[in-house]
């Protein structure tokens, strides 16, 4: 099957190790995409959940293998930004190995200009200053996800489509709406101060692709509920990829493919891909 070929892929908030991580879906997405640059914008590994009895299985390890294979065999540049759930990486920053780097911030140079890339937790005062409250909120969020999974199992049994309880709460609770709005405005102003035309972030699990005044604001969402990523095409155009739509063209198999078939096609390396490559 023909892979989706793009210049850059930006994804965040995979939360490997957390019960709600939709790792099979993100693995399937990455297997079917070829890119010259992969930006992992924070909270890829959920250290908070792993320290409190989280779950890590073969599909989580497979995500790491897929990324390493892109780095090694595809010539893909991989930029990993620290998030708040993988804050243990702060001890290593900055770290650079040829095409792989772990950083706090990154400036992406694209055909449409300079984009500031950061996870975004720096603008979350609770995450930054009140760690106990932040972890309490994380516990509550994961409890909400467990209730949501049980409720959607019932909906599936009745033949109804998936419905997100946490998204409904975010959309209706005034404080949550204001928090998202303030977050966006603060991060756009930071990009403006840095002389960038746009900003890419994650953290709040709310995908977005819009203009905030003169700043192009992109939020890659998450792989717990929204299942979204952002791709940059070779002409500089950005596109929000929703997994529900993506799997119509690239159907998710019922079972994980064997290890030897994870990336077995004979495409050129990502660094050799160019616009119009068949």
C-alpha atoms as a PDB file:
ATOM      1  CA  UNK A   1       0.000   0.000   0.000  1.00  0.00           C
ATOM      2  CA  UNK A   2       1.242   3.493  -0.893  1.00  0.00           C
ATOM      3  CA  UNK A   3       2.371   5.442   2.144  1.00  0.00           C
ATOM      4  CA  UNK A   4       1.478   9.032   2.941  1.00  0.00           C
ATOM      5  CA  UNK A   5       4.577  11.106   2.111  1.00  0.00           C
ATOM      6  CA  UNK A   6       4.998  14.459   3.833  1.00  0.00           C
ATOM      7  CA  UNK A   7       7.780  16.812   4.848  1.00  0.00           C
ATOM      8  CA  UNK A   8       7.059  16.823   8.601  1.00  0.00           C
ATOM      9  CA  UNK A   9       4.883  14.976  11.118  1.00  0.00           C
ATOM     10  CA  UNK A  10       4.034  16.576  14.470  1.00  0.00           C
ATOM     11  CA  UNK A  11       2.357  14.547  17.199  1.00  0.00           C
ATOM     12  CA  UNK A  12       2.143  14.801  20.969  1.00  0.00           C
ATOM     13  CA  UNK A  13       0.586  13.351  24.108  1.00  0.00           C
ATOM     14  CA  UNK A  14       0.790   9.648  23.245  1.00  0.00           C
ATOM     15  CA  UNK A  15       1.102   8.853  26.994  1.00  0.00           C
ATOM     16  CA  UNK A  16       2.846   5.509  26.607  1.00  0.00           C
ATOM     17  CA  UNK A  17       2.356   3.596  29.852  1.00  0.00           C
ATOM     18  CA  UNK A  18      -1.034   5.120  30.638  1.00  0.00           C
ATOM     19  CA  UNK A  19      -4.135   2.883  30.420  1.00  0.00           C
ATOM     20  CA  UNK A  20      -5.849   5.305  28.029  1.00  0.00           C
ATOM     21  CA  UNK A  21      -3.041   5.464  25.456  1.00  0.00           C
ATOM     22  CA  UNK A  22      -4.290   4.484  21.985  1.00  0.00           C
ATOM     23  CA  UNK A  23      -0.904   3.149  21.006  1.00  0.00           C
ATOM     24  CA  UNK A  24      -2.119   0.643  18.375  1.00  0.00           C
ATOM     25  CA  UNK A  25      -3.647   3.522  16.450  1.00  0.00           C
ATOM     26  CA  UNK A  26      -0.593   5.783  16.617  1.00  0.00           C
ATOM     27  CA  UNK A  27       1.653   2.860  15.627  1.00  0.00           C
ATOM     28  CA  UNK A  28      -0.537   2.218  12.588  1.00  0.00           C
ATOM     29  CA  UNK A  29      -0.422   5.903  11.666  1.00  0.00           C
ATOM     30  CA  UNK A  30       3.386   6.068  11.876  1.00  0.00           C
ATOM     31  CA  UNK A  31       3.834   2.871   9.849  1.00  0.00           C
ATOM     32  CA  UNK A  32       1.860   4.392   7.012  1.00  0.00           C
ATOM     33  CA  UNK A  33       3.620   7.755   6.901  1.00  0.00           C
ATOM     34  CA  UNK A  34       7.007   8.672   5.430  1.00  0.00           C
ATOM     35  CA  UNK A  35       8.492  11.984   6.529  1.00  0.00           C
ATOM     36  CA  UNK A  36      11.805  13.814   6.509  1.00  0.00           C
ATOM     37  CA  UNK A  37      11.215  15.107  10.036  1.00  0.00           C
ATOM     38  CA  UNK A  38       9.264  13.747  13.001  1.00  0.00           C
ATOM     39  CA  UNK A  39       8.476  16.080  15.907  1.00  0.00           C
ATOM     40  CA  UNK A  40       7.404  14.336  19.125  1.00  0.00           C
ATOM     41  CA  UNK A  41       6.001  17.263  21.049  1.00  0.00           C
ATOM     42  CA  UNK A  42       5.959  16.090  24.655  1.00  0.00           C
ATOM     43  CA  UNK A  43       4.182  13.571  26.900  1.00  0.00           C
ATOM     44  CA  UNK A  44       5.124  10.727  24.595  1.00  0.00           C
ATOM     45  CA  UNK A  45       6.024   8.545  27.590  1.00  0.00           C
ATOM     46  CA  UNK A  46       3.831   9.008  30.678  1.00  0.00           C
ATOM     47  CA  UNK A  47       6.286   8.817  33.560  1.00  0.00           C
ATOM     48  CA  UNK A  48       3.601   9.823  36.062  1.00  0.00           C
ATOM     49  CA  UNK A  49       1.470   6.787  35.230  1.00  0.00           C
ATOM     50  CA  UNK A  50       4.440   4.415  35.066  1.00  0.00           C
ATOM     51  CA  UNK A  51       5.536   5.480  38.545  1.00  0.00           C
ATOM     52  CA  UNK A  52       2.058   4.795  39.922  1.00  0.00           C
ATOM     53  CA  UNK A  53       1.445   1.360  38.419  1.00  0.00           C
ATOM     54  CA  UNK A  54       0.868   2.165  34.760  1.00  0.00           C
ATOM     55  CA  UNK A  55       0.906  -0.453  32.029  1.00  0.00           C
ATOM     56  CA  UNK A  56       3.648  -1.053  29.444  1.00  0.00           C
ATOM     57  CA  UNK A  57       3.298  -3.855  26.909  1.00  0.00           C
ATOM     58  CA  UNK A  58       4.598  -4.901  23.524  1.00  0.00           C
ATOM     59  CA  UNK A  59       2.636  -2.281  21.596  1.00  0.00           C
ATOM     60  CA  UNK A  60       4.320   0.460  23.632  1.00  0.00           C
ATOM     61  CA  UNK A  61       7.744  -0.997  22.889  1.00  0.00           C
ATOM     62  CA  UNK A  62       6.744  -1.239  19.239  1.00  0.00           C
ATOM     63  CA  UNK A  63       6.151   2.518  19.113  1.00  0.00           C
ATOM     64  CA  UNK A  64       9.771   3.069  20.177  1.00  0.00           C
ATOM     65  CA  UNK A  65      10.945   0.544  17.573  1.00  0.00           C
ATOM     66  CA  UNK A  66       9.005   2.293  14.804  1.00  0.00           C
ATOM     67  CA  UNK A  67      10.515   5.672  15.685  1.00  0.00           C
ATOM     68  CA  UNK A  68      14.033   4.207  15.902  1.00  0.00           C
ATOM     69  CA  UNK A  69      13.562   2.500  12.540  1.00  0.00           C
ATOM     70  CA  UNK A  70      12.559   5.799  10.956  1.00  0.00           C
ATOM     71  CA  UNK A  71      15.640   7.378  12.506  1.00  0.00           C
ATOM     72  CA  UNK A  72      18.043   4.610  11.479  1.00  0.00           C
ATOM     73  CA  UNK A  73      16.762   3.293   8.142  1.00  0.00           C
ATOM     74  CA  UNK A  74      14.725   6.193   6.794  1.00  0.00           C
ATOM     75  CA  UNK A  75      17.099   9.034   7.632  1.00  0.00           C
ATOM     76  CA  UNK A  76      14.281  10.823   9.437  1.00  0.00           C
ATOM     77  CA  UNK A  77      15.248  13.699  11.721  1.00  0.00           C
ATOM     78  CA  UNK A  78      13.555  13.125  15.103  1.00  0.00           C
ATOM     79  CA  UNK A  79      13.026  16.000  17.546  1.00  0.00           C
ATOM     80  CA  UNK A  80      11.680  15.024  20.978  1.00  0.00           C
ATOM     81  CA  UNK A  81      10.417  17.859  23.191  1.00  0.00           C
ATOM     82  CA  UNK A  82      10.043  17.431  26.923  1.00  0.00           C
ATOM     83  CA  UNK A  83       6.509  17.437  28.275  1.00  0.00           C
ATOM     84  CA  UNK A  84       5.267  17.549  31.850  1.00  0.00           C
ATOM     85  CA  UNK A  85       4.512  13.813  32.047  1.00  0.00           C
ATOM     86  CA  UNK A  86       7.998  12.924  30.769  1.00  0.00           C
ATOM     87  CA  UNK A  87       9.661  15.644  32.847  1.00  0.00           C
ATOM     88  CA  UNK A  88      12.440  13.259  33.878  1.00  0.00           C
ATOM     89  CA  UNK A  89      14.009  14.219  30.541  1.00  0.00           C
ATOM     90  CA  UNK A  90      14.732  17.684  31.963  1.00  0.00           C
ATOM     91  CA  UNK A  91      17.895  16.215  33.472  1.00  0.00           C
ATOM     92  CA  UNK A  92      19.217  15.427  29.991  1.00  0.00           C
ATOM     93  CA  UNK A  93      18.449  18.647  28.135  1.00  0.00           C
ATOM     94  CA  UNK A  94      19.654  19.497  25.624  1.00  0.00           C
ATOM     95  CA  UNK A  95      20.755  16.200  24.089  1.00  0.00           C
ATOM     96  CA  UNK A  96      21.838  15.781  20.456  1.00  0.00           C
ATOM     97  CA  UNK A  97      22.847  12.656  18.518  1.00  0.00           C
ATOM     98  CA  UNK A  98      23.217  13.280  14.794  1.00  0.00           C
ATOM     99  CA  UNK A  99      19.559  13.223  13.596  1.00  0.00           C
ATOM    100  CA  UNK A 100      18.029  12.832  17.073  1.00  0.00           C
ATOM    101  CA  UNK A 101      17.609  15.552  19.686  1.00  0.00           C
ATOM    102  CA  UNK A 102      15.798  16.023  23.001  1.00  0.00           C
ATOM    103  CA  UNK A 103      15.084  19.683  23.701  1.00  0.00           C
ATOM    104  CA  UNK A 104      12.918  22.091  25.669  1.00  0.00           C
ATOM    105  CA  UNK A 105      12.037  24.217  22.649  1.00  0.00           C
ATOM    106  CA  UNK A 106      12.640  23.983  18.925  1.00  0.00           C
ATOM    107  CA  UNK A 107      12.295  26.329  15.967  1.00  0.00           C
ATOM    108  CA  UNK A 108      11.022  24.564  12.852  1.00  0.00           C
ATOM    109  CA  UNK A 109      12.103  26.175   9.586  1.00  0.00           C
ATOM    110  CA  UNK A 110       9.543  25.449   6.875  1.00  0.00           C
ATOM    111  CA  UNK A 111       8.495  26.851   3.498  1.00  0.00           C
ATOM    112  CA  UNK A 112       5.907  29.030   5.267  1.00  0.00           C
ATOM    113  CA  UNK A 113       8.350  30.465   7.803  1.00  0.00           C
ATOM    114  CA  UNK A 114       9.635  29.860  11.330  1.00  0.00           C
ATOM    115  CA  UNK A 115       7.445  27.963  13.792  1.00  0.00           C
ATOM    116  CA  UNK A 116       8.145  27.844  17.510  1.00  0.00           C
ATOM    117  CA  UNK A 117       7.661  24.302  18.828  1.00  0.00           C
ATOM    118  CA  UNK A 118       7.126  23.560  22.526  1.00  0.00           C
ATOM    119  CA  UNK A 119       4.891  21.280  24.565  1.00  0.00           C
ATOM    120  CA  UNK A 120       3.092  24.168  26.257  1.00  0.00           C
ATOM    121  CA  UNK A 121       3.021  23.187  29.940  1.00  0.00           C
ATOM    122  CA  UNK A 122       5.100  26.279  30.734  1.00  0.00           C
ATOM    123  CA  UNK A 123       1.836  28.244  30.512  1.00  0.00           C
ATOM    124  CA  UNK A 124      -0.055  25.916  32.857  1.00  0.00           C
ATOM    125  CA  UNK A 125       0.385  27.474  36.312  1.00  0.00           C
ATOM    126  CA  UNK A 126      -0.965  24.386  38.100  1.00  0.00           C
ATOM    127  CA  UNK A 127       1.410  22.051  36.280  1.00  0.00           C
ATOM    128  CA  UNK A 128       4.323  24.409  36.867  1.00  0.00           C
ATOM    129  CA  UNK A 129       3.732  25.506  40.460  1.00  0.00           C
ATOM    130  CA  UNK A 130       1.371  23.018  42.117  1.00  0.00           C
ATOM    131  CA  UNK A 131       2.579  19.529  41.231  1.00  0.00           C
ATOM    132  CA  UNK A 132       0.282  17.829  43.768  1.00  0.00           C
ATOM    133  CA  UNK A 133      -2.821  19.456  42.283  1.00  0.00           C
ATOM    134  CA  UNK A 134      -1.605  18.630  38.791  1.00  0.00           C
ATOM    135  CA  UNK A 135      -1.201  14.952  39.661  1.00  0.00           C
ATOM    136  CA  UNK A 136      -4.558  14.933  41.408  1.00  0.00           C
ATOM    137  CA  UNK A 137      -6.080  16.326  38.232  1.00  0.00           C
ATOM    138  CA  UNK A 138      -4.274  13.635  36.228  1.00  0.00           C
ATOM    139  CA  UNK A 139      -5.773  10.969  38.513  1.00  0.00           C
ATOM    140  CA  UNK A 140      -9.233  12.468  38.007  1.00  0.00           C
ATOM    141  CA  UNK A 141      -8.745  12.607  34.236  1.00  0.00           C
ATOM    142  CA  UNK A 142      -7.748   8.943  34.083  1.00  0.00           C
ATOM    143  CA  UNK A 143     -10.757   8.020  36.249  1.00  0.00           C
ATOM    144  CA  UNK A 144     -12.932   9.924  33.780  1.00  0.00           C
ATOM    145  CA  UNK A 145     -11.365   7.969  30.922  1.00  0.00           C
ATOM    146  CA  UNK A 146     -12.134   4.654  32.650  1.00  0.00           C
ATOM    147  CA  UNK A 147     -15.760   5.683  33.113  1.00  0.00           C
ATOM    148  CA  UNK A 148     -15.821   6.826  29.490  1.00  0.00           C
ATOM    149  CA  UNK A 149     -14.469   3.457  28.257  1.00  0.00           C
ATOM    150  CA  UNK A 150     -17.160   1.577  30.183  1.00  0.00           C
ATOM    151  CA  UNK A 151     -19.876   3.886  28.880  1.00  0.00           C
ATOM    152  CA  UNK A 152     -18.671   3.557  25.287  1.00  0.00           C
ATOM    153  CA  UNK A 153     -18.537  -0.227  25.568  1.00  0.00           C
ATOM    154  CA  UNK A 154     -22.259   0.013  26.371  1.00  0.00           C
ATOM    155  CA  UNK A 155     -22.801   2.393  23.436  1.00  0.00           C
ATOM    156  CA  UNK A 156     -20.935   0.028  21.088  1.00  0.00           C
ATOM    157  CA  UNK A 157     -23.153  -2.843  22.311  1.00  0.00           C
ATOM    158  CA  UNK A 158     -26.166  -0.730  21.338  1.00  0.00           C
ATOM    159  CA  UNK A 159     -24.622   0.076  17.952  1.00  0.00           C
ATOM    160  CA  UNK A 160     -23.965   3.728  18.778  1.00  0.00           C
ATOM    161  CA  UNK A 161     -20.857   5.724  17.828  1.00  0.00           C
ATOM    162  CA  UNK A 162     -18.088   6.734  20.249  1.00  0.00           C
ATOM    163  CA  UNK A 163     -18.814   9.724  22.493  1.00  0.00           C
ATOM    164  CA  UNK A 164     -16.202  11.536  24.581  1.00  0.00           C
ATOM    165  CA  UNK A 165     -17.287  12.542  28.080  1.00  0.00           C
ATOM    166  CA  UNK A 166     -14.179  14.622  28.765  1.00  0.00           C
ATOM    167  CA  UNK A 167     -14.531  16.534  25.476  1.00  0.00           C
ATOM    168  CA  UNK A 168     -18.141  17.331  26.353  1.00  0.00           C
ATOM    169  CA  UNK A 169     -17.059  18.617  29.763  1.00  0.00           C
ATOM    170  CA  UNK A 170     -14.284  20.736  28.234  1.00  0.00           C
ATOM    171  CA  UNK A 171     -16.728  22.261  25.763  1.00  0.00           C
ATOM    172  CA  UNK A 172     -19.332  23.127  28.394  1.00  0.00           C
ATOM    173  CA  UNK A 173     -17.454  24.104  31.535  1.00  0.00           C
ATOM    174  CA  UNK A 174     -16.666  27.822  31.420  1.00  0.00           C
ATOM    175  CA  UNK A 175     -13.385  27.489  33.343  1.00  0.00           C
ATOM    176  CA  UNK A 176     -12.126  24.835  30.924  1.00  0.00           C
ATOM    177  CA  UNK A 177     -13.058  26.946  27.898  1.00  0.00           C
ATOM    178  CA  UNK A 178     -11.321  29.985  29.402  1.00  0.00           C
ATOM    179  CA  UNK A 179      -8.230  27.915  30.248  1.00  0.00           C
ATOM    180  CA  UNK A 180      -7.874  26.759  26.633  1.00  0.00           C
ATOM    181  CA  UNK A 181      -8.412  30.297  25.326  1.00  0.00           C
ATOM    182  CA  UNK A 182      -5.842  31.812  27.699  1.00  0.00           C
ATOM    183  CA  UNK A 183      -3.356  29.058  26.876  1.00  0.00           C
ATOM    184  CA  UNK A 184      -3.663  29.758  23.159  1.00  0.00           C
ATOM    185  CA  UNK A 185      -3.244  33.499  23.551  1.00  0.00           C
ATOM    186  CA  UNK A 186      -0.185  33.193  25.793  1.00  0.00           C
ATOM    187  CA  UNK A 187       1.572  30.720  23.534  1.00  0.00           C
ATOM    188  CA  UNK A 188       0.792  32.820  20.436  1.00  0.00           C
ATOM    189  CA  UNK A 189       2.301  35.862  22.125  1.00  0.00           C
ATOM    190  CA  UNK A 190       5.463  33.910  22.918  1.00  0.00           C
ATOM    191  CA  UNK A 191       5.811  32.966  19.238  1.00  0.00           C
ATOM    192  CA  UNK A 192       5.286  36.600  18.306  1.00  0.00           C
ATOM    193  CA  UNK A 193       8.002  37.679  20.746  1.00  0.00           C
ATOM    194  CA  UNK A 194      10.401  35.130  19.221  1.00  0.00           C
ATOM    195  CA  UNK A 195       9.863  36.492  15.732  1.00  0.00           C
ATOM    196  CA  UNK A 196       8.044  33.377  14.498  1.00  0.00           C
ATOM    197  CA  UNK A 197       5.101  33.190  12.109  1.00  0.00           C
ATOM    198  CA  UNK A 198       3.513  30.276  13.926  1.00  0.00           C
ATOM    199  CA  UNK A 199       3.603  27.954  16.919  1.00  0.00           C
ATOM    200  CA  UNK A 200       3.139  24.195  17.398  1.00  0.00           C
ATOM    201  CA  UNK A 201       2.192  22.752  20.779  1.00  0.00           C
ATOM    202  CA  UNK A 202       0.304  19.998  22.578  1.00  0.00           C
ATOM    203  CA  UNK A 203      -0.436  19.575  26.306  1.00  0.00           C
ATOM    204  CA  UNK A 204      -4.123  20.551  26.492  1.00  0.00           C
ATOM    205  CA  UNK A 205      -5.386  17.635  24.324  1.00  0.00           C
ATOM    206  CA  UNK A 206      -7.333  20.052  22.123  1.00  0.00           C
ATOM    207  CA  UNK A 207      -6.341  19.854  18.437  1.00  0.00           C
ATOM    208  CA  UNK A 208      -6.379  23.135  16.520  1.00  0.00           C
ATOM    209  CA  UNK A 209      -5.254  24.729  13.269  1.00  0.00           C
ATOM    210  CA  UNK A 210      -6.173  28.407  13.176  1.00  0.00           C
ATOM    211  CA  UNK A 211      -4.927  31.967  13.073  1.00  0.00           C
ATOM    212  CA  UNK A 212      -4.622  33.949  16.291  1.00  0.00           C
ATOM    213  CA  UNK A 213      -4.128  37.419  14.883  1.00  0.00           C
ATOM    214  CA  UNK A 214      -0.933  37.198  12.835  1.00  0.00           C
ATOM    215  CA  UNK A 215       0.209  33.891  14.400  1.00  0.00           C
ATOM    216  CA  UNK A 216      -0.598  30.493  12.932  1.00  0.00           C
ATOM    217  CA  UNK A 217      -1.536  28.350  15.953  1.00  0.00           C
ATOM    218  CA  UNK A 218      -1.253  24.565  15.666  1.00  0.00           C
ATOM    219  CA  UNK A 219      -2.040  22.062  18.413  1.00  0.00           C
ATOM    220  CA  UNK A 220      -1.460  18.423  17.534  1.00  0.00           C
ATOM    221  CA  UNK A 221      -4.034  17.120  20.023  1.00  0.00           C
ATOM    222  CA  UNK A 222      -3.387  13.725  21.616  1.00  0.00           C
ATOM    223  CA  UNK A 223      -3.493   9.940  21.205  1.00  0.00           C
ATOM    224  CA  UNK A 224      -5.799   9.282  24.125  1.00  0.00           C
ATOM    225  CA  UNK A 225      -9.052  10.735  22.811  1.00  0.00           C
ATOM    226  CA  UNK A 226      -8.762  13.027  19.780  1.00  0.00           C
ATOM    227  CA  UNK A 227      -6.272  10.762  17.915  1.00  0.00           C
ATOM    228  CA  UNK A 228      -4.857  13.579  15.805  1.00  0.00           C
ATOM    229  CA  UNK A 229      -1.548  14.664  14.339  1.00  0.00           C
ATOM    230  CA  UNK A 230      -0.377  17.514  12.142  1.00  0.00           C
ATOM    231  CA  UNK A 231       1.496  17.000   8.889  1.00  0.00           C
ATOM    232  CA  UNK A 232       3.412  19.559   6.850  1.00  0.00           C
ATOM    233  CA  UNK A 233       3.266  18.910   3.124  1.00  0.00           C
ATOM    234  CA  UNK A 234       6.188  19.640   0.818  1.00  0.00           C
ATOM    235  CA  UNK A 235       4.672  22.944  -0.291  1.00  0.00           C
ATOM    236  CA  UNK A 236       4.524  24.106   3.339  1.00  0.00           C
ATOM    237  CA  UNK A 237       0.805  23.520   3.769  1.00  0.00           C
ATOM    238  CA  UNK A 238      -0.191  22.141   7.172  1.00  0.00           C
ATOM    239  CA  UNK A 239      -2.996  19.621   7.595  1.00  0.00           C
ATOM    240  CA  UNK A 240      -4.692  18.194  10.671  1.00  0.00           C
ATOM    241  CA  UNK A 241      -4.915  14.413  10.378  1.00  0.00           C
ATOM    242  CA  UNK A 242      -7.770  12.744  12.228  1.00  0.00           C
ATOM    243  CA  UNK A 243      -7.288   8.995  12.696  1.00  0.00           C
ATOM    244  CA  UNK A 244     -10.954   8.204  12.016  1.00  0.00           C
ATOM    245  CA  UNK A 245     -10.556   9.700   8.550  1.00  0.00           C
ATOM    246  CA  UNK A 246      -7.014   8.352   8.098  1.00  0.00           C
ATOM    247  CA  UNK A 247      -8.021   4.732   8.613  1.00  0.00           C
ATOM    248  CA  UNK A 248     -10.578   4.912   5.821  1.00  0.00           C
ATOM    249  CA  UNK A 249      -7.640   4.997   3.409  1.00  0.00           C
ATOM    250  CA  UNK A 250      -5.281   3.008   5.636  1.00  0.00           C
ATOM    251  CA  UNK A 251      -7.507   0.482   7.463  1.00  0.00           C
ATOM    252  CA  UNK A 252      -6.370  -0.618  10.913  1.00  0.00           C
ATOM    253  CA  UNK A 253      -5.804  -4.418  10.890  1.00  0.00           C
ATOM    254  CA  UNK A 254      -7.582  -6.566  13.445  1.00  0.00           C
ATOM    255  CA  UNK A 255      -4.234  -7.732  14.813  1.00  0.00           C
ATOM    256  CA  UNK A 256      -0.749  -6.251  15.074  1.00  0.00           C
ATOM    257  CA  UNK A 257       1.417  -7.278  12.088  1.00  0.00           C
ATOM    258  CA  UNK A 258       4.425  -9.528  12.819  1.00  0.00           C
ATOM    259  CA  UNK A 259       7.620  -7.685  13.767  1.00  0.00           C
ATOM    260  CA  UNK A 260       9.346  -8.534  10.497  1.00  0.00           C
ATOM    261  CA  UNK A 261       6.593  -6.756   8.544  1.00  0.00           C
ATOM    262  CA  UNK A 262       6.482  -3.562  10.582  1.00  0.00           C
ATOM    263  CA  UNK A 263       8.331  -1.529   7.962  1.00  0.00           C
ATOM    264  CA  UNK A 264       9.354  -3.943   5.264  1.00  0.00           C
ATOM    265  CA  UNK A 265       8.728  -1.976   2.068  1.00  0.00           C
ATOM    266  CA  UNK A 266      11.568  -0.782  -0.117  1.00  0.00           C
ATOM    267  CA  UNK A 267      10.925   2.967  -0.150  1.00  0.00           C
ATOM    268  CA  UNK A 268      13.874   5.379  -0.152  1.00  0.00           C
ATOM    269  CA  UNK A 269      14.851   7.043   3.094  1.00  0.00           C
ATOM    270  CA  UNK A 270      12.749  10.000   4.257  1.00  0.00           C
ATOM    271  CA  UNK A 271      15.702  12.302   3.704  1.00  0.00           C
ATOM    272  CA  UNK A 272      15.623  11.370   0.003  1.00  0.00           C
ATOM    273  CA  UNK A 273      11.898  11.970  -0.420  1.00  0.00           C
ATOM    274  CA  UNK A 274      10.936  15.015  -2.463  1.00  0.00           C
ATOM    275  CA  UNK A 275       7.697  16.575  -3.642  1.00  0.00           C
ATOM    276  CA  UNK A 276       6.170  14.413  -6.323  1.00  0.00           C
ATOM    277  CA  UNK A 277       8.000  11.239  -5.299  1.00  0.00           C
ATOM    278  CA  UNK A 278       5.708   8.369  -6.388  1.00  0.00           C
END
